């Protein structure tokens, strides 16, 4: 019987461990280099190719069943990703995400059972007003995940910052995160309100959610 409880060989991943520690401490994590520079380049090319194929649509508010387009709230364009029909570049993305999910489920018992991701383009002048990533009738989203695919040399003055809002010592605190290429941000979907500030240069990303039952 004792053999049933023997530890299986398990290699600790320092990046994943940092994500876990960050979320446990502050409810979000910012990771540089989660995807290599060449991987970011390939994903950006794929996003741009899909856009040239006129596959994107205006993003809506609400869940995917009850969607409503409201330009005064958000102005991005999106294209949902389909893992079952992913090409080699998109498989590269999903393989890394799946590896992270397996690690989180094994070490933190988060119970992540599914995920959903979309490409996102914010044209110049667009934004996404302050909101939270869960719905009244659907609280399956556990962690929000953003991967930035902007061109190299992105500057703070290009706008499009992600702003997370917290309450600390009875006062509101803002965490401003610039969408530098290759950077990923992971945060608790059910807790953290956030916004995308107005974009001054087209902003590219993959955004998604890790979901529980």
C-alpha atoms as a PDB file:
ATOM      1  CA  UNK A   1       0.000   0.000   0.000  1.00  0.00           C
ATOM      2  CA  UNK A   2       2.796   2.421   0.802  1.00  0.00           C
ATOM      3  CA  UNK A   3       3.861   2.426  -2.827  1.00  0.00           C
ATOM      4  CA  UNK A   4       0.611   4.193  -3.720  1.00  0.00           C
ATOM      5  CA  UNK A   5       1.763   7.264  -1.831  1.00  0.00           C
ATOM      6  CA  UNK A   6       5.327   7.443  -3.070  1.00  0.00           C
ATOM      7  CA  UNK A   7       6.182  10.751  -4.765  1.00  0.00           C
ATOM      8  CA  UNK A   8       6.305  10.722  -8.513  1.00  0.00           C
ATOM      9  CA  UNK A   9       9.323  12.428 -10.070  1.00  0.00           C
ATOM     10  CA  UNK A  10       8.418  16.078 -10.398  1.00  0.00           C
ATOM     11  CA  UNK A  11      10.610  18.883 -11.685  1.00  0.00           C
ATOM     12  CA  UNK A  12       9.954  22.234 -10.099  1.00  0.00           C
ATOM     13  CA  UNK A  13       9.486  25.062 -12.590  1.00  0.00           C
ATOM     14  CA  UNK A  14      10.814  28.379 -11.201  1.00  0.00           C
ATOM     15  CA  UNK A  15       8.639  30.533 -13.499  1.00  0.00           C
ATOM     16  CA  UNK A  16       5.482  28.661 -12.517  1.00  0.00           C
ATOM     17  CA  UNK A  17       6.486  28.791  -8.855  1.00  0.00           C
ATOM     18  CA  UNK A  18       6.895  32.566  -9.115  1.00  0.00           C
ATOM     19  CA  UNK A  19       3.420  32.859 -10.665  1.00  0.00           C
ATOM     20  CA  UNK A  20       1.967  30.830  -7.796  1.00  0.00           C
ATOM     21  CA  UNK A  21       3.792  32.907  -5.180  1.00  0.00           C
ATOM     22  CA  UNK A  22       2.758  36.194  -6.791  1.00  0.00           C
ATOM     23  CA  UNK A  23      -0.911  35.282  -7.048  1.00  0.00           C
ATOM     24  CA  UNK A  24      -0.941  34.007  -3.480  1.00  0.00           C
ATOM     25  CA  UNK A  25       0.582  37.242  -2.248  1.00  0.00           C
ATOM     26  CA  UNK A  26      -0.947  39.927  -4.467  1.00  0.00           C
ATOM     27  CA  UNK A  27      -3.588  38.232  -6.691  1.00  0.00           C
ATOM     28  CA  UNK A  28      -1.642  38.865  -9.915  1.00  0.00           C
ATOM     29  CA  UNK A  29       1.644  37.981 -11.586  1.00  0.00           C
ATOM     30  CA  UNK A  30       3.678  39.673 -14.318  1.00  0.00           C
ATOM     31  CA  UNK A  31       6.083  37.415 -16.201  1.00  0.00           C
ATOM     32  CA  UNK A  32       8.709  38.460 -18.732  1.00  0.00           C
ATOM     33  CA  UNK A  33       9.833  35.939 -21.319  1.00  0.00           C
ATOM     34  CA  UNK A  34       7.130  33.328 -20.760  1.00  0.00           C
ATOM     35  CA  UNK A  35       7.223  33.054 -24.546  1.00  0.00           C
ATOM     36  CA  UNK A  36      10.569  33.439 -26.300  1.00  0.00           C
ATOM     37  CA  UNK A  37      11.104  36.397 -28.626  1.00  0.00           C
ATOM     38  CA  UNK A  38      10.814  34.192 -31.721  1.00  0.00           C
ATOM     39  CA  UNK A  39       7.600  32.651 -30.389  1.00  0.00           C
ATOM     40  CA  UNK A  40       6.124  36.114 -29.837  1.00  0.00           C
ATOM     41  CA  UNK A  41       7.108  37.036 -33.397  1.00  0.00           C
ATOM     42  CA  UNK A  42       5.379  33.939 -34.810  1.00  0.00           C
ATOM     43  CA  UNK A  43       2.218  34.548 -32.781  1.00  0.00           C
ATOM     44  CA  UNK A  44       2.137  38.189 -33.884  1.00  0.00           C
ATOM     45  CA  UNK A  45       2.466  37.128 -37.521  1.00  0.00           C
ATOM     46  CA  UNK A  46      -0.394  34.669 -37.053  1.00  0.00           C
ATOM     47  CA  UNK A  47      -2.624  37.352 -35.516  1.00  0.00           C
ATOM     48  CA  UNK A  48      -1.842  39.721 -38.364  1.00  0.00           C
ATOM     49  CA  UNK A  49      -2.508  36.994 -40.947  1.00  0.00           C
ATOM     50  CA  UNK A  50      -5.905  36.255 -39.398  1.00  0.00           C
ATOM     51  CA  UNK A  51      -6.689  39.963 -39.453  1.00  0.00           C
ATOM     52  CA  UNK A  52      -5.771  40.228 -43.129  1.00  0.00           C
ATOM     53  CA  UNK A  53      -8.204  37.371 -43.764  1.00  0.00           C
ATOM     54  CA  UNK A  54     -10.923  39.604 -42.278  1.00  0.00           C
ATOM     55  CA  UNK A  55     -11.621  37.039 -39.559  1.00  0.00           C
ATOM     56  CA  UNK A  56     -11.886  39.455 -36.627  1.00  0.00           C
ATOM     57  CA  UNK A  57     -15.111  40.955 -35.300  1.00  0.00           C
ATOM     58  CA  UNK A  58     -15.964  43.792 -32.926  1.00  0.00           C
ATOM     59  CA  UNK A  59     -15.754  42.673 -29.321  1.00  0.00           C
ATOM     60  CA  UNK A  60     -18.905  42.615 -27.208  1.00  0.00           C
ATOM     61  CA  UNK A  61     -19.721  42.765 -23.511  1.00  0.00           C
ATOM     62  CA  UNK A  62     -21.481  39.908 -21.745  1.00  0.00           C
ATOM     63  CA  UNK A  63     -20.867  36.204 -22.213  1.00  0.00           C
ATOM     64  CA  UNK A  64     -20.689  34.475 -25.589  1.00  0.00           C
ATOM     65  CA  UNK A  65     -24.404  33.615 -25.438  1.00  0.00           C
ATOM     66  CA  UNK A  66     -25.706  37.092 -24.598  1.00  0.00           C
ATOM     67  CA  UNK A  67     -23.345  39.505 -26.344  1.00  0.00           C
ATOM     68  CA  UNK A  68     -23.848  43.220 -26.806  1.00  0.00           C
ATOM     69  CA  UNK A  69     -21.530  45.585 -28.700  1.00  0.00           C
ATOM     70  CA  UNK A  70     -21.084  48.870 -26.815  1.00  0.00           C
ATOM     71  CA  UNK A  71     -18.339  51.089 -28.254  1.00  0.00           C
ATOM     72  CA  UNK A  72     -18.459  53.419 -25.263  1.00  0.00           C
ATOM     73  CA  UNK A  73     -17.273  50.520 -23.066  1.00  0.00           C
ATOM     74  CA  UNK A  74     -14.829  48.638 -25.314  1.00  0.00           C
ATOM     75  CA  UNK A  75     -13.501  49.034 -28.841  1.00  0.00           C
ATOM     76  CA  UNK A  76     -11.249  46.062 -29.488  1.00  0.00           C
ATOM     77  CA  UNK A  77     -11.513  43.505 -32.275  1.00  0.00           C
ATOM     78  CA  UNK A  78     -11.284  39.814 -31.398  1.00  0.00           C
ATOM     79  CA  UNK A  79     -11.019  36.353 -32.936  1.00  0.00           C
ATOM     80  CA  UNK A  80     -11.654  33.299 -30.775  1.00  0.00           C
ATOM     81  CA  UNK A  81      -8.937  30.645 -30.990  1.00  0.00           C
ATOM     82  CA  UNK A  82      -9.846  27.004 -31.652  1.00  0.00           C
ATOM     83  CA  UNK A  83      -7.371  24.586 -30.102  1.00  0.00           C
ATOM     84  CA  UNK A  84      -8.833  21.603 -31.953  1.00  0.00           C
ATOM     85  CA  UNK A  85      -7.984  23.244 -35.300  1.00  0.00           C
ATOM     86  CA  UNK A  86      -4.819  25.035 -34.223  1.00  0.00           C
ATOM     87  CA  UNK A  87      -1.912  25.307 -36.623  1.00  0.00           C
ATOM     88  CA  UNK A  88       1.700  24.749 -35.536  1.00  0.00           C
ATOM     89  CA  UNK A  89       2.129  28.287 -34.192  1.00  0.00           C
ATOM     90  CA  UNK A  90      -1.094  28.193 -32.213  1.00  0.00           C
ATOM     91  CA  UNK A  91      -0.239  24.724 -30.907  1.00  0.00           C
ATOM     92  CA  UNK A  92       2.972  26.215 -29.559  1.00  0.00           C
ATOM     93  CA  UNK A  93       0.861  28.671 -27.575  1.00  0.00           C
ATOM     94  CA  UNK A  94      -1.607  26.072 -26.293  1.00  0.00           C
ATOM     95  CA  UNK A  95       1.137  23.602 -25.375  1.00  0.00           C
ATOM     96  CA  UNK A  96       2.724  26.131 -23.031  1.00  0.00           C
ATOM     97  CA  UNK A  97      -0.608  27.117 -21.520  1.00  0.00           C
ATOM     98  CA  UNK A  98      -1.556  23.468 -21.012  1.00  0.00           C
ATOM     99  CA  UNK A  99       1.758  22.807 -19.302  1.00  0.00           C
ATOM    100  CA  UNK A 100       1.105  25.702 -16.912  1.00  0.00           C
ATOM    101  CA  UNK A 101      -2.422  24.437 -16.208  1.00  0.00           C
ATOM    102  CA  UNK A 102      -1.144  20.944 -15.421  1.00  0.00           C
ATOM    103  CA  UNK A 103       1.424  22.409 -13.040  1.00  0.00           C
ATOM    104  CA  UNK A 104      -1.126  24.612 -11.266  1.00  0.00           C
ATOM    105  CA  UNK A 105      -3.577  21.752 -10.888  1.00  0.00           C
ATOM    106  CA  UNK A 106      -0.880  19.465  -9.535  1.00  0.00           C
ATOM    107  CA  UNK A 107       0.679  21.885  -7.078  1.00  0.00           C
ATOM    108  CA  UNK A 108      -2.249  24.126  -6.093  1.00  0.00           C
ATOM    109  CA  UNK A 109      -5.278  21.896  -6.732  1.00  0.00           C
ATOM    110  CA  UNK A 110      -6.993  24.736  -8.612  1.00  0.00           C
ATOM    111  CA  UNK A 111      -9.247  22.423 -10.574  1.00  0.00           C
ATOM    112  CA  UNK A 112      -8.729  24.151 -13.921  1.00  0.00           C
ATOM    113  CA  UNK A 113     -10.823  22.074 -16.340  1.00  0.00           C
ATOM    114  CA  UNK A 114     -11.096  24.261 -19.425  1.00  0.00           C
ATOM    115  CA  UNK A 115      -9.871  27.447 -21.039  1.00  0.00           C
ATOM    116  CA  UNK A 116     -10.811  29.963 -23.704  1.00  0.00           C
ATOM    117  CA  UNK A 117      -8.585  32.383 -25.600  1.00  0.00           C
ATOM    118  CA  UNK A 118      -8.924  34.970 -28.330  1.00  0.00           C
ATOM    119  CA  UNK A 119      -6.660  37.197 -30.362  1.00  0.00           C
ATOM    120  CA  UNK A 120      -7.248  40.883 -29.621  1.00  0.00           C
ATOM    121  CA  UNK A 121      -6.506  44.049 -31.577  1.00  0.00           C
ATOM    122  CA  UNK A 122      -7.018  47.486 -30.095  1.00  0.00           C
ATOM    123  CA  UNK A 123      -6.972  50.051 -32.928  1.00  0.00           C
ATOM    124  CA  UNK A 124      -5.695  53.531 -32.201  1.00  0.00           C
ATOM    125  CA  UNK A 125      -8.087  55.433 -29.920  1.00  0.00           C
ATOM    126  CA  UNK A 126      -9.857  52.383 -28.491  1.00  0.00           C
ATOM    127  CA  UNK A 127     -10.034  51.227 -24.861  1.00  0.00           C
ATOM    128  CA  UNK A 128     -11.892  48.913 -22.480  1.00  0.00           C
ATOM    129  CA  UNK A 129     -13.463  50.585 -19.471  1.00  0.00           C
ATOM    130  CA  UNK A 130     -13.125  49.268 -15.943  1.00  0.00           C
ATOM    131  CA  UNK A 131     -14.755  45.859 -15.450  1.00  0.00           C
ATOM    132  CA  UNK A 132     -14.383  42.421 -13.894  1.00  0.00           C
ATOM    133  CA  UNK A 133     -14.003  39.190 -15.883  1.00  0.00           C
ATOM    134  CA  UNK A 134     -16.865  37.173 -14.422  1.00  0.00           C
ATOM    135  CA  UNK A 135     -20.593  37.159 -15.151  1.00  0.00           C
ATOM    136  CA  UNK A 136     -23.572  37.055 -12.824  1.00  0.00           C
ATOM    137  CA  UNK A 137     -24.711  33.719 -14.229  1.00  0.00           C
ATOM    138  CA  UNK A 138     -21.266  32.206 -14.881  1.00  0.00           C
ATOM    139  CA  UNK A 139     -18.413  32.250 -12.376  1.00  0.00           C
ATOM    140  CA  UNK A 140     -16.203  29.583 -13.975  1.00  0.00           C
ATOM    141  CA  UNK A 141     -13.387  31.975 -14.889  1.00  0.00           C
ATOM    142  CA  UNK A 142     -10.667  31.543 -12.271  1.00  0.00           C
ATOM    143  CA  UNK A 143      -7.567  33.199 -13.753  1.00  0.00           C
ATOM    144  CA  UNK A 144      -7.331  35.832 -16.490  1.00  0.00           C
ATOM    145  CA  UNK A 145      -4.348  35.529 -18.835  1.00  0.00           C
ATOM    146  CA  UNK A 146      -2.964  38.174 -21.216  1.00  0.00           C
ATOM    147  CA  UNK A 147      -0.003  37.731 -23.568  1.00  0.00           C
ATOM    148  CA  UNK A 148       1.238  40.860 -25.369  1.00  0.00           C
ATOM    149  CA  UNK A 149       2.288  40.571 -29.016  1.00  0.00           C
ATOM    150  CA  UNK A 150       3.180  44.176 -29.802  1.00  0.00           C
ATOM    151  CA  UNK A 151       6.119  45.099 -32.001  1.00  0.00           C
ATOM    152  CA  UNK A 152       9.558  45.376 -30.434  1.00  0.00           C
ATOM    153  CA  UNK A 153      10.340  48.858 -29.174  1.00  0.00           C
ATOM    154  CA  UNK A 154       6.900  49.446 -27.633  1.00  0.00           C
ATOM    155  CA  UNK A 155       6.996  52.603 -25.500  1.00  0.00           C
ATOM    156  CA  UNK A 156       4.875  53.694 -22.517  1.00  0.00           C
ATOM    157  CA  UNK A 157       3.643  56.678 -24.527  1.00  0.00           C
ATOM    158  CA  UNK A 158       1.968  54.247 -26.952  1.00  0.00           C
ATOM    159  CA  UNK A 159      -0.787  53.879 -24.341  1.00  0.00           C
ATOM    160  CA  UNK A 160      -2.954  50.808 -23.908  1.00  0.00           C
ATOM    161  CA  UNK A 161      -1.861  50.180 -20.327  1.00  0.00           C
ATOM    162  CA  UNK A 162      -3.602  47.468 -18.334  1.00  0.00           C
ATOM    163  CA  UNK A 163      -4.630  48.908 -14.967  1.00  0.00           C
ATOM    164  CA  UNK A 164      -5.509  46.625 -12.048  1.00  0.00           C
ATOM    165  CA  UNK A 165      -7.465  48.037  -9.100  1.00  0.00           C
ATOM    166  CA  UNK A 166      -7.056  46.956  -5.468  1.00  0.00           C
ATOM    167  CA  UNK A 167      -8.228  48.035  -2.057  1.00  0.00           C
ATOM    168  CA  UNK A 168      -5.412  48.420   0.450  1.00  0.00           C
ATOM    169  CA  UNK A 169      -5.841  49.904   3.902  1.00  0.00           C
ATOM    170  CA  UNK A 170      -9.272  51.274   2.930  1.00  0.00           C
ATOM    171  CA  UNK A 171      -7.957  53.120  -0.099  1.00  0.00           C
ATOM    172  CA  UNK A 172      -7.902  52.223  -3.775  1.00  0.00           C
ATOM    173  CA  UNK A 173      -4.553  51.387  -5.343  1.00  0.00           C
ATOM    174  CA  UNK A 174      -3.785  51.151  -9.064  1.00  0.00           C
ATOM    175  CA  UNK A 175      -1.223  48.844 -10.656  1.00  0.00           C
ATOM    176  CA  UNK A 176      -0.297  50.103 -14.130  1.00  0.00           C
ATOM    177  CA  UNK A 177       1.120  47.457 -16.492  1.00  0.00           C
ATOM    178  CA  UNK A 178       2.548  48.368 -19.886  1.00  0.00           C
ATOM    179  CA  UNK A 179       1.903  45.920 -22.773  1.00  0.00           C
ATOM    180  CA  UNK A 180       5.518  45.205 -23.630  1.00  0.00           C
ATOM    181  CA  UNK A 181       5.997  42.362 -26.169  1.00  0.00           C
ATOM    182  CA  UNK A 182       6.460  38.927 -24.628  1.00  0.00           C
ATOM    183  CA  UNK A 183       5.094  39.974 -21.251  1.00  0.00           C
ATOM    184  CA  UNK A 184       2.235  37.971 -19.777  1.00  0.00           C
ATOM    185  CA  UNK A 185      -0.074  39.002 -16.958  1.00  0.00           C
ATOM    186  CA  UNK A 186      -2.137  36.535 -14.918  1.00  0.00           C
ATOM    187  CA  UNK A 187      -4.649  37.664 -12.298  1.00  0.00           C
ATOM    188  CA  UNK A 188      -7.667  36.465 -10.353  1.00  0.00           C
ATOM    189  CA  UNK A 189     -10.715  36.880 -12.579  1.00  0.00           C
ATOM    190  CA  UNK A 190     -13.319  37.006  -9.817  1.00  0.00           C
ATOM    191  CA  UNK A 191     -11.562  39.592  -7.674  1.00  0.00           C
ATOM    192  CA  UNK A 192      -9.615  42.160  -9.668  1.00  0.00           C
ATOM    193  CA  UNK A 193     -11.319  44.984 -11.527  1.00  0.00           C
ATOM    194  CA  UNK A 194      -9.250  46.301 -14.434  1.00  0.00           C
ATOM    195  CA  UNK A 195      -9.287  48.416 -17.569  1.00  0.00           C
ATOM    196  CA  UNK A 196      -7.331  49.033 -20.773  1.00  0.00           C
ATOM    197  CA  UNK A 197      -6.525  52.703 -21.148  1.00  0.00           C
ATOM    198  CA  UNK A 198      -6.838  54.448 -24.552  1.00  0.00           C
ATOM    199  CA  UNK A 199      -4.440  53.111 -27.160  1.00  0.00           C
ATOM    200  CA  UNK A 200      -2.289  55.520 -29.172  1.00  0.00           C
ATOM    201  CA  UNK A 201      -0.632  52.825 -31.299  1.00  0.00           C
ATOM    202  CA  UNK A 202      -2.348  49.609 -32.405  1.00  0.00           C
ATOM    203  CA  UNK A 203      -2.096  47.094 -29.533  1.00  0.00           C
ATOM    204  CA  UNK A 204      -1.933  43.314 -30.095  1.00  0.00           C
ATOM    205  CA  UNK A 205      -2.435  40.473 -27.634  1.00  0.00           C
ATOM    206  CA  UNK A 206      -3.886  37.074 -26.836  1.00  0.00           C
ATOM    207  CA  UNK A 207      -6.342  37.167 -23.960  1.00  0.00           C
ATOM    208  CA  UNK A 208      -8.073  34.323 -22.196  1.00  0.00           C
ATOM    209  CA  UNK A 209      -9.269  32.608 -19.066  1.00  0.00           C
ATOM    210  CA  UNK A 210      -8.496  29.434 -17.150  1.00  0.00           C
ATOM    211  CA  UNK A 211     -11.801  28.036 -15.960  1.00  0.00           C
ATOM    212  CA  UNK A 212     -13.044  25.734 -13.202  1.00  0.00           C
ATOM    213  CA  UNK A 213     -16.184  23.651 -13.131  1.00  0.00           C
END
